[in-house]
Amino acid sequence: MLFRYKGKLHEIRRADGPERIEREWWLDGGEHRDYYSVEDKEGRRYWLFRSGHYSGEQSQWFIHGFFA
């Protein structure tokens, strides 16, 4: 698995997840998020999430944060 951040390609060595976060359906509709903790080949760790279902056309990946 690979992801690109700031123009650099990162090879994922380890991953944990998903942890699904749903919106309050009774307040606001919308897509859920699946969060993953990943480590690249150089040992850097990232917190990624995917918005929407895999089968949906609106599914996108984002970086939510970094781990020290």
Protein backbone atom coordinates (compact mmCIF):
# COMPACT_ATOMS: atom_id res chain seq x y z
CA MET A 1 0.00 0.00 0.00
CA LEU A 2 1.19 3.49 -0.83
CA PHE A 3 0.12 7.07 -0.20
CA ARG A 4 1.42 10.40 -1.41
CA TYR A 5 2.03 13.36 0.91
CA LYS A 6 3.55 16.67 -0.24
CA GLY A 7 4.58 15.06 -3.51
CA LYS A 8 6.49 12.20 -1.84
CA LEU A 9 5.36 8.58 -2.14
CA HIS A 10 5.26 6.67 1.18
CA GLU A 11 5.27 2.89 1.38
CA ILE A 12 3.18 1.63 4.30
CA ARG A 13 4.97 -0.93 6.45
CA ARG A 14 2.34 -1.29 9.22
CA ALA A 15 -1.28 -0.27 9.63
CA ASP A 16 -3.91 -0.49 12.33
CA GLY A 17 -7.60 0.16 11.85
CA PRO A 18 -10.12 1.03 10.83
CA GLU A 19 -11.79 2.88 13.67
CA ARG A 20 -15.10 4.14 12.32
CA ILE A 21 -16.49 7.51 13.41
CA GLU A 22 -20.13 8.14 12.48
CA ARG A 23 -21.97 11.45 12.41
CA GLU A 24 -24.98 11.95 14.66
CA TRP A 25 -27.57 10.76 12.14
CA TRP A 26 -30.36 12.43 14.09
CA LEU A 27 -28.63 15.86 13.78
CA ASP A 28 -26.70 15.84 10.53
CA GLY A 29 -26.49 13.52 7.56
CA GLY A 30 -23.24 12.77 5.80
CA GLU A 31 -20.43 10.33 5.29
CA HIS A 32 -18.69 8.42 8.07
CA ARG A 33 -14.91 8.34 8.52
CA ASP A 34 -12.64 5.31 8.90
CA TYR A 35 -9.39 6.19 10.72
CA TYR A 36 -6.11 4.28 10.36
CA SER A 37 -2.79 4.57 12.15
CA VAL A 38 -0.03 3.79 9.63
CA GLU A 39 3.77 3.62 9.68
CA ASP A 40 5.81 4.15 6.55
CA LYS A 41 9.02 2.38 5.53
CA GLU A 42 11.15 5.11 7.21
CA GLY A 43 9.33 4.68 10.54
CA ARG A 44 7.23 7.86 10.35
CA ARG A 45 3.69 7.45 11.68
CA TYR A 46 0.56 9.06 10.28
CA TRP A 47 -3.11 9.20 11.16
CA LEU A 48 -5.13 8.79 7.96
CA PHE A 49 -8.84 8.68 7.34
CA ARG A 50 -11.13 7.74 4.50
CA SER A 51 -14.36 9.64 4.13
CA GLY A 52 -17.25 7.65 2.70
CA HIS A 53 -17.78 4.04 1.69
CA TYR A 54 -15.28 2.13 -0.46
CA SER A 55 -17.94 1.56 -3.09
CA GLY A 56 -19.02 5.19 -3.17
CA GLU A 57 -17.82 7.63 -5.79
CA GLN A 58 -17.21 10.28 -3.12
CA SER A 59 -14.68 8.22 -1.13
CA GLN A 60 -11.47 10.19 -0.46
CA TRP A 61 -8.36 9.80 1.73
CA PHE A 62 -6.91 12.51 4.01
CA ILE A 63 -4.10 12.94 6.57
CA HIS A 64 -5.64 13.81 9.92
CA GLY A 65 -2.38 14.10 11.88
CA PHE A 66 1.07 12.81 12.76
CA PHE A 67 2.51 10.81 15.66
CA ALA A 68 5.76 11.70 17.41
